[in-house]
Amino acid sequence: MPTVPSAGTQTSFSDVLAALNFVGSPQTALTLLYSSSIITASTATTINSLMYHNLAMGAAAGSTAKQAIYDTFNVGTNFNLGTNWGDYNSDPNMRITFTVTNNNTENDIYISDGTNDYNVYNYNVTAGGGTDNQTDYDTMLAVSTVNAKYFIKIDANAMYVGPPPPPGGGVTGNTTSASDSDGVGGGTTRTTFNPVNFDMFSPITGQIIVSGHNVGTGIALNKRTSFDIVFN
């Protein structure tokens, strides 16, 4: 997939158009921002939109796509292609940010990202306040590999570590919260679903916990998601 040359290297408008998969008549800076950041972002199921999963672009490869492109172009004061678009990748790995907390005192919890889907995360969160924080977690999945709306799903298993007999009171009253990591453009809505109650004899399998406008629409593949799961 096309990648824009690094900042400081001569960059042409055609480099940016190629990276955004635009064809036909040339786009102005304003329409390029509008179509890639605002319109198609909310409905994107292809790579023809601004990929917010870019986290190291622009001057010194030190800006996110939001900072280098959306913020800069939205203000409308600096359309320097080489500075703003440097190192832009049209097919980056998808990135997510999340925190998993296990407040349950009777169970260690083993969590992965959903049966029969891309398995990008596996973790054991210990009982009694165990926490895993991941910022800009690299799923190792290129956007083109998914190439559709995405959902965040989980599998969760409990290992009973409390006093006998198991399964104790189970893992109940669990919560999920989520937001768009960048909070700009289209497709910022996140709909959440709390993990169902479970115990060591009845695990969660492939439950959707975060989607887009509703459970059926999913999240635009060019957008990042931040979410928190708390098990109780």
C-alpha atoms as a PDB file:
ATOM      1  CA  MET A   1       0.000   0.000   0.000  1.00  0.00           C
ATOM      2  CA  PRO A   2       1.245   3.560  -0.729  1.00  0.00           C
ATOM      3  CA  THR A   3       3.194   5.370   1.961  1.00  0.00           C
ATOM      4  CA  VAL A   4       3.928   9.105   1.828  1.00  0.00           C
ATOM      5  CA  PRO A   5       7.672   9.957   1.940  1.00  0.00           C
ATOM      6  CA  SER A   6       9.135  11.124   5.247  1.00  0.00           C
ATOM      7  CA  ALA A   7       8.860  14.786   6.258  1.00  0.00           C
ATOM      8  CA  GLY A   8      11.680  16.796   4.705  1.00  0.00           C
ATOM      9  CA  THR A   9      11.511  14.747   1.523  1.00  0.00           C
ATOM     10  CA  GLN A  10       9.901  16.241  -1.570  1.00  0.00           C
ATOM     11  CA  THR A  11       6.247  15.311  -1.442  1.00  0.00           C
ATOM     12  CA  SER A  12       3.729  15.762  -4.245  1.00  0.00           C
ATOM     13  CA  PHE A  13      -0.025  15.975  -4.065  1.00  0.00           C
ATOM     14  CA  SER A  14      -0.153  12.751  -6.067  1.00  0.00           C
ATOM     15  CA  ASP A  15       1.694  10.992  -3.220  1.00  0.00           C
ATOM     16  CA  VAL A  16      -1.086  11.952  -0.838  1.00  0.00           C
ATOM     17  CA  LEU A  17      -3.837  11.085  -3.307  1.00  0.00           C
ATOM     18  CA  ALA A  18      -2.293   7.676  -3.908  1.00  0.00           C
ATOM     19  CA  ALA A  19      -1.990   7.029  -0.173  1.00  0.00           C
ATOM     20  CA  LEU A  20      -5.675   7.891   0.254  1.00  0.00           C
ATOM     21  CA  ASN A  21      -6.664   5.809  -2.782  1.00  0.00           C
ATOM     22  CA  PHE A  22      -8.328   8.737  -4.554  1.00  0.00           C
ATOM     23  CA  VAL A  23      -8.870   8.496  -8.293  1.00  0.00           C
ATOM     24  CA  GLY A  24     -10.231  10.954 -10.838  1.00  0.00           C
ATOM     25  CA  SER A  25      -9.957  14.735 -10.681  1.00  0.00           C
ATOM     26  CA  PRO A  26      -7.439  16.255  -8.240  1.00  0.00           C
ATOM     27  CA  GLN A  27      -8.648  17.090  -4.757  1.00  0.00           C
ATOM     28  CA  THR A  28      -8.072  20.428  -3.072  1.00  0.00           C
ATOM     29  CA  ALA A  29      -6.626  20.494   0.430  1.00  0.00           C
ATOM     30  CA  LEU A  30     -10.045  21.317   1.852  1.00  0.00           C
ATOM     31  CA  THR A  31     -11.963  18.576   0.048  1.00  0.00           C
ATOM     32  CA  LEU A  32      -9.192  16.108   0.818  1.00  0.00           C
ATOM     33  CA  LEU A  33      -9.610  16.781   4.527  1.00  0.00           C
ATOM     34  CA  TYR A  34     -13.390  16.789   4.298  1.00  0.00           C
ATOM     35  CA  SER A  35     -13.761  13.558   2.388  1.00  0.00           C
ATOM     36  CA  SER A  36     -11.049  11.599   4.154  1.00  0.00           C
ATOM     37  CA  SER A  37     -11.599  12.770   7.718  1.00  0.00           C
ATOM     38  CA  ILE A  38     -15.267  13.563   8.083  1.00  0.00           C
ATOM     39  CA  ILE A  39     -17.504  11.914   5.510  1.00  0.00           C
ATOM     40  CA  THR A  40     -16.065   8.503   4.677  1.00  0.00           C
ATOM     41  CA  ALA A  41     -14.739   8.028   8.207  1.00  0.00           C
ATOM     42  CA  SER A  42     -18.225   7.357   9.513  1.00  0.00           C
ATOM     43  CA  THR A  43     -19.104   4.739   6.896  1.00  0.00           C
ATOM     44  CA  ALA A  44     -15.728   3.388   5.815  1.00  0.00           C
ATOM     45  CA  THR A  45     -15.399  -0.289   5.012  1.00  0.00           C
ATOM     46  CA  THR A  46     -12.428   0.256   2.718  1.00  0.00           C
ATOM     47  CA  ILE A  47      -9.051   1.960   3.089  1.00  0.00           C
ATOM     48  CA  ASN A  48     -10.263   5.090   1.244  1.00  0.00           C
ATOM     49  CA  SER A  49     -10.213   7.315   4.316  1.00  0.00           C
ATOM     50  CA  LEU A  50      -7.807   8.905   6.764  1.00  0.00           C
ATOM     51  CA  MET A  51      -6.239   6.161   8.874  1.00  0.00           C
ATOM     52  CA  TYR A  52      -6.143   7.359  12.460  1.00  0.00           C
ATOM     53  CA  HIS A  53      -4.052   4.302  13.324  1.00  0.00           C
ATOM     54  CA  ASN A  54      -1.026   6.286  12.081  1.00  0.00           C
ATOM     55  CA  LEU A  55       0.784   7.357  15.255  1.00  0.00           C
ATOM     56  CA  ALA A  56       4.225   8.487  14.005  1.00  0.00           C
ATOM     57  CA  MET A  57       3.930  10.892  11.087  1.00  0.00           C
ATOM     58  CA  GLY A  58       4.599  14.514  10.191  1.00  0.00           C
ATOM     59  CA  ALA A  59       7.648  16.458  11.388  1.00  0.00           C
ATOM     60  CA  ALA A  60      10.169  14.112  13.059  1.00  0.00           C
ATOM     61  CA  ALA A  61       7.519  11.374  12.772  1.00  0.00           C
ATOM     62  CA  GLY A  62       6.199  12.729  16.050  1.00  0.00           C
ATOM     63  CA  SER A  63       2.471  13.225  15.487  1.00  0.00           C
ATOM     64  CA  THR A  64      -0.662  11.139  15.246  1.00  0.00           C
ATOM     65  CA  ALA A  65      -2.874  11.364  12.174  1.00  0.00           C
ATOM     66  CA  LYS A  66      -5.295  13.487  14.194  1.00  0.00           C
ATOM     67  CA  GLN A  67      -2.574  15.963  15.138  1.00  0.00           C
ATOM     68  CA  ALA A  68      -0.796  16.105  11.794  1.00  0.00           C
ATOM     69  CA  ILE A  69      -3.809  16.036   9.479  1.00  0.00           C
ATOM     70  CA  TYR A  70      -7.173  16.616  11.122  1.00  0.00           C
ATOM     71  CA  ASP A  71      -6.121  19.325  13.578  1.00  0.00           C
ATOM     72  CA  THR A  72      -3.818  21.111  11.146  1.00  0.00           C
ATOM     73  CA  PHE A  73      -6.179  21.077   8.190  1.00  0.00           C
ATOM     74  CA  ASN A  74      -9.198  21.877  10.345  1.00  0.00           C
ATOM     75  CA  VAL A  75      -7.521  25.097  11.505  1.00  0.00           C
ATOM     76  CA  GLY A  76      -6.648  25.782   7.881  1.00  0.00           C
ATOM     77  CA  THR A  77      -3.326  27.552   8.427  1.00  0.00           C
ATOM     78  CA  ASN A  78      -0.704  25.110   7.156  1.00  0.00           C
ATOM     79  CA  PHE A  79      -1.215  22.821   4.182  1.00  0.00           C
ATOM     80  CA  ASN A  80       2.445  21.854   3.828  1.00  0.00           C
ATOM     81  CA  LEU A  81       2.274  18.341   2.396  1.00  0.00           C
ATOM     82  CA  GLY A  82       5.798  17.313   3.303  1.00  0.00           C
ATOM     83  CA  THR A  83       5.470  18.415   6.914  1.00  0.00           C
ATOM     84  CA  ASN A  84       1.948  17.203   7.574  1.00  0.00           C
ATOM     85  CA  TRP A  85       1.691  13.992   5.570  1.00  0.00           C
ATOM     86  CA  GLY A  86       5.224  12.650   6.041  1.00  0.00           C
ATOM     87  CA  ASP A  87       5.370   8.893   6.781  1.00  0.00           C
ATOM     88  CA  TYR A  88       1.616   8.475   6.366  1.00  0.00           C
ATOM     89  CA  ASN A  89       0.773   4.803   5.794  1.00  0.00           C
ATOM     90  CA  SER A  90      -2.485   3.949   4.073  1.00  0.00           C
ATOM     91  CA  ASP A  91      -2.498   0.427   5.537  1.00  0.00           C
ATOM     92  CA  PRO A  92      -1.210   0.606   9.132  1.00  0.00           C
ATOM     93  CA  ASN A  93      -1.743  -1.976  11.824  1.00  0.00           C
ATOM     94  CA  MET A  94      -4.896  -1.307  13.812  1.00  0.00           C
ATOM     95  CA  ARG A  95      -4.306   0.173  17.293  1.00  0.00           C
ATOM     96  CA  ILE A  96      -6.510   0.076  20.375  1.00  0.00           C
ATOM     97  CA  THR A  97      -6.165   1.405  23.929  1.00  0.00           C
ATOM     98  CA  PHE A  98      -7.728  -0.373  26.882  1.00  0.00           C
ATOM     99  CA  THR A  99      -7.712  -1.206  30.573  1.00  0.00           C
ATOM    100  CA  VAL A 100      -8.871  -4.538  31.996  1.00  0.00           C
ATOM    101  CA  THR A 101      -9.521  -4.649  35.758  1.00  0.00           C
ATOM    102  CA  ASN A 102     -10.465  -7.679  37.843  1.00  0.00           C
ATOM    103  CA  ASN A 103     -12.028  -6.634  41.157  1.00  0.00           C
ATOM    104  CA  ASN A 104     -13.338 -10.134  41.797  1.00  0.00           C
ATOM    105  CA  THR A 105     -11.559 -11.662  44.821  1.00  0.00           C
ATOM    106  CA  GLU A 106     -12.450 -15.293  44.086  1.00  0.00           C
ATOM    107  CA  ASN A 107     -11.360 -15.696  40.467  1.00  0.00           C
ATOM    108  CA  ASP A 108      -8.380 -15.151  38.242  1.00  0.00           C
ATOM    109  CA  ILE A 109      -9.680 -14.204  34.787  1.00  0.00           C
ATOM    110  CA  TYR A 110      -8.270 -15.254  31.442  1.00  0.00           C
ATOM    111  CA  ILE A 111      -9.371 -12.967  28.630  1.00  0.00           C
ATOM    112  CA  SER A 112      -8.862 -13.026  24.872  1.00  0.00           C
ATOM    113  CA  ASP A 113     -10.421 -11.052  22.055  1.00  0.00           C
ATOM    114  CA  GLY A 114     -13.183 -13.329  20.812  1.00  0.00           C
ATOM    115  CA  THR A 115     -13.652 -16.862  19.485  1.00  0.00           C
ATOM    116  CA  ASN A 116     -13.535 -17.426  15.704  1.00  0.00           C
ATOM    117  CA  ASP A 117     -12.225 -13.913  15.069  1.00  0.00           C
ATOM    118  CA  TYR A 118      -8.745 -12.410  14.892  1.00  0.00           C
ATOM    119  CA  ASN A 119      -6.964 -13.313  18.096  1.00  0.00           C
ATOM    120  CA  VAL A 120      -4.848 -10.286  18.985  1.00  0.00           C
ATOM    121  CA  TYR A 121      -4.802 -10.322  22.803  1.00  0.00           C
ATOM    122  CA  ASN A 122      -4.549 -12.886  25.565  1.00  0.00           C
ATOM    123  CA  TYR A 123      -4.043 -12.009  29.204  1.00  0.00           C
ATOM    124  CA  ASN A 124      -4.462 -13.294  32.746  1.00  0.00           C
ATOM    125  CA  VAL A 125      -5.825 -10.668  35.163  1.00  0.00           C
ATOM    126  CA  THR A 126      -5.368 -11.811  38.747  1.00  0.00           C
ATOM    127  CA  ALA A 127      -8.099 -11.665  41.377  1.00  0.00           C
ATOM    128  CA  GLY A 128      -8.570  -8.793  43.769  1.00  0.00           C
ATOM    129  CA  GLY A 129      -7.685  -5.715  41.729  1.00  0.00           C
ATOM    130  CA  GLY A 130      -5.433  -7.105  39.001  1.00  0.00           C
ATOM    131  CA  THR A 131      -5.167  -4.627  36.102  1.00  0.00           C
ATOM    132  CA  ASP A 132      -3.742  -4.578  32.594  1.00  0.00           C
ATOM    133  CA  ASN A 133      -3.282  -1.199  30.868  1.00  0.00           C
ATOM    134  CA  GLN A 134      -2.446  -1.063  27.167  1.00  0.00           C
ATOM    135  CA  THR A 135      -1.953   2.219  25.292  1.00  0.00           C
ATOM    136  CA  ASP A 136      -1.977   2.149  21.470  1.00  0.00           C
ATOM    137  CA  TYR A 137      -1.788  -1.642  21.605  1.00  0.00           C
ATOM    138  CA  ASP A 138      -0.572  -3.016  18.270  1.00  0.00           C
ATOM    139  CA  THR A 139      -3.014  -5.694  17.141  1.00  0.00           C
ATOM    140  CA  MET A 140      -0.550  -6.743  14.409  1.00  0.00           C
ATOM    141  CA  LEU A 141      -3.535  -6.701  12.034  1.00  0.00           C
ATOM    142  CA  ALA A 142      -3.232  -4.437   9.006  1.00  0.00           C
ATOM    143  CA  VAL A 143      -6.377  -2.486   8.174  1.00  0.00           C
ATOM    144  CA  SER A 144      -6.616  -4.241   4.800  1.00  0.00           C
ATOM    145  CA  THR A 145      -6.653  -7.617   6.554  1.00  0.00           C
ATOM    146  CA  VAL A 146      -9.840  -6.711   8.394  1.00  0.00           C
ATOM    147  CA  ASN A 147     -11.264  -4.654   5.478  1.00  0.00           C
ATOM    148  CA  ALA A 148     -14.688  -4.261   7.077  1.00  0.00           C
ATOM    149  CA  LYS A 149     -16.309  -2.690  10.077  1.00  0.00           C
ATOM    150  CA  TYR A 150     -14.789  -4.063  13.241  1.00  0.00           C
ATOM    151  CA  PHE A 151     -16.148  -5.075  16.634  1.00  0.00           C
ATOM    152  CA  ILE A 152     -14.413  -5.700  19.940  1.00  0.00           C
ATOM    153  CA  LYS A 153     -15.315  -9.115  21.320  1.00  0.00           C
ATOM    154  CA  ILE A 154     -14.063 -11.087  24.277  1.00  0.00           C
ATOM    155  CA  ASP A 155     -13.748 -14.610  25.574  1.00  0.00           C
ATOM    156  CA  ALA A 156     -13.405 -14.773  29.350  1.00  0.00           C
ATOM    157  CA  ASN A 157     -12.714 -17.731  31.597  1.00  0.00           C
ATOM    158  CA  ALA A 158     -12.522 -17.743  35.398  1.00  0.00           C
ATOM    159  CA  MET A 159     -10.202 -19.880  37.520  1.00  0.00           C
ATOM    160  CA  TYR A 160     -11.645 -20.175  41.020  1.00  0.00           C
ATOM    161  CA  VAL A 161      -9.081 -19.344  43.715  1.00  0.00           C
ATOM    162  CA  GLY A 162     -11.469 -18.690  46.611  1.00  0.00           C
ATOM    163  CA  PRO A 163     -12.403 -20.981  49.489  1.00  0.00           C
ATOM    164  CA  PRO A 164     -14.129 -24.218  48.458  1.00  0.00           C
ATOM    165  CA  PRO A 165     -16.447 -25.173  47.012  1.00  0.00           C
ATOM    166  CA  PRO A 166     -16.288 -23.600  43.515  1.00  0.00           C
ATOM    167  CA  PRO A 167     -17.601 -21.703  41.660  1.00  0.00           C
ATOM    168  CA  GLY A 168     -18.369 -19.257  44.479  1.00  0.00           C
ATOM    169  CA  GLY A 169     -20.438 -16.214  43.624  1.00  0.00           C
ATOM    170  CA  GLY A 170     -19.142 -15.993  40.080  1.00  0.00           C
ATOM    171  CA  VAL A 171     -18.014 -12.876  38.244  1.00  0.00           C
ATOM    172  CA  THR A 172     -20.983 -10.505  38.155  1.00  0.00           C
ATOM    173  CA  GLY A 173     -21.933  -6.863  37.677  1.00  0.00           C
ATOM    174  CA  ASN A 174     -19.253  -6.377  35.023  1.00  0.00           C
ATOM    175  CA  THR A 175     -19.031  -3.112  33.080  1.00  0.00           C
ATOM    176  CA  THR A 176     -17.689  -1.747  29.806  1.00  0.00           C
ATOM    177  CA  SER A 177     -17.082   1.859  28.731  1.00  0.00           C
ATOM    178  CA  ALA A 178     -15.623   3.042  25.419  1.00  0.00           C
ATOM    179  CA  SER A 179     -14.905   6.067  23.246  1.00  0.00           C
ATOM    180  CA  ASP A 180     -13.265   7.062  19.988  1.00  0.00           C
ATOM    181  CA  SER A 181      -9.554   7.466  20.808  1.00  0.00           C
ATOM    182  CA  ASP A 182      -9.215  10.669  18.774  1.00  0.00           C
ATOM    183  CA  GLY A 183     -12.738  12.065  19.161  1.00  0.00           C
ATOM    184  CA  VAL A 184     -12.854  13.813  15.781  1.00  0.00           C
ATOM    185  CA  GLY A 185     -14.291  13.207  12.332  1.00  0.00           C
ATOM    186  CA  GLY A 186     -17.129  10.841  11.605  1.00  0.00           C
ATOM    187  CA  GLY A 187     -17.795   7.526  13.288  1.00  0.00           C
ATOM    188  CA  THR A 188     -16.998   8.565  16.865  1.00  0.00           C
ATOM    189  CA  THR A 189     -20.010   6.820  18.440  1.00  0.00           C
ATOM    190  CA  ARG A 190     -19.293   3.694  20.470  1.00  0.00           C
ATOM    191  CA  THR A 191     -22.014   1.412  21.801  1.00  0.00           C
ATOM    192  CA  THR A 192     -21.001  -0.790  24.724  1.00  0.00           C
ATOM    193  CA  PHE A 193     -22.288  -4.031  26.205  1.00  0.00           C
ATOM    194  CA  ASN A 194     -21.391  -5.246  29.674  1.00  0.00           C
ATOM    195  CA  PRO A 195     -19.768  -8.687  29.923  1.00  0.00           C
ATOM    196  CA  VAL A 196     -22.395 -11.185  31.064  1.00  0.00           C
ATOM    197  CA  ASN A 197     -22.102 -12.923  34.423  1.00  0.00           C
ATOM    198  CA  PHE A 198     -19.875 -15.988  34.307  1.00  0.00           C
ATOM    199  CA  ASP A 199     -17.895 -18.474  36.413  1.00  0.00           C
ATOM    200  CA  MET A 200     -15.377 -21.272  35.869  1.00  0.00           C
ATOM    201  CA  PHE A 201     -18.128 -23.603  34.633  1.00  0.00           C
ATOM    202  CA  SER A 202     -19.808 -21.110  32.268  1.00  0.00           C
ATOM    203  CA  PRO A 203     -17.274 -18.898  30.422  1.00  0.00           C
ATOM    204  CA  ILE A 204     -18.004 -16.024  28.039  1.00  0.00           C
ATOM    205  CA  THR A 205     -17.521 -16.931  24.380  1.00  0.00           C
ATOM    206  CA  GLY A 206     -17.264 -14.338  21.635  1.00  0.00           C
ATOM    207  CA  GLN A 207     -19.376 -11.616  23.244  1.00  0.00           C
ATOM    208  CA  ILE A 208     -19.431  -8.234  21.524  1.00  0.00           C
ATOM    209  CA  ILE A 209     -18.582  -5.578  24.109  1.00  0.00           C
ATOM    210  CA  VAL A 210     -17.957  -2.554  21.831  1.00  0.00           C
ATOM    211  CA  SER A 211     -19.504  -1.668  18.474  1.00  0.00           C
ATOM    212  CA  GLY A 212     -20.388   1.486  16.541  1.00  0.00           C
ATOM    213  CA  HIS A 213     -23.828   3.134  16.420  1.00  0.00           C
ATOM    214  CA  ASN A 214     -25.436  -0.170  17.391  1.00  0.00           C
ATOM    215  CA  VAL A 215     -24.523  -3.821  17.699  1.00  0.00           C
ATOM    216  CA  GLY A 216     -24.992  -4.394  13.982  1.00  0.00           C
ATOM    217  CA  THR A 217     -23.031  -1.519  12.460  1.00  0.00           C
ATOM    218  CA  GLY A 218     -19.571  -2.018  13.898  1.00  0.00           C
ATOM    219  CA  ILE A 219     -16.807   0.589  14.045  1.00  0.00           C
ATOM    220  CA  ALA A 220     -15.322   2.287  10.972  1.00  0.00           C
ATOM    221  CA  LEU A 221     -12.059   0.472  10.346  1.00  0.00           C
ATOM    222  CA  ASN A 222     -10.016   3.674  10.045  1.00  0.00           C
ATOM    223  CA  LYS A 223     -10.934   4.819  13.574  1.00  0.00           C
ATOM    224  CA  ARG A 224      -9.241   3.897  16.848  1.00  0.00           C
ATOM    225  CA  THR A 225     -11.085   2.802  19.994  1.00  0.00           C
ATOM    226  CA  SER A 226     -10.351   3.155  23.712  1.00  0.00           C
ATOM    227  CA  PHE A 227     -12.237   1.022  26.201  1.00  0.00           C
ATOM    228  CA  ASP A 228     -12.282  -0.170  29.801  1.00  0.00           C
ATOM    229  CA  ILE A 229     -13.584  -3.492  31.137  1.00  0.00           C
ATOM    230  CA  VAL A 230     -14.166  -4.063  34.840  1.00  0.00           C
ATOM    231  CA  PHE A 231     -14.932  -7.523  36.244  1.00  0.00           C
ATOM    232  CA  ASN A 232     -16.543  -7.666  39.700  1.00  0.00           C
END
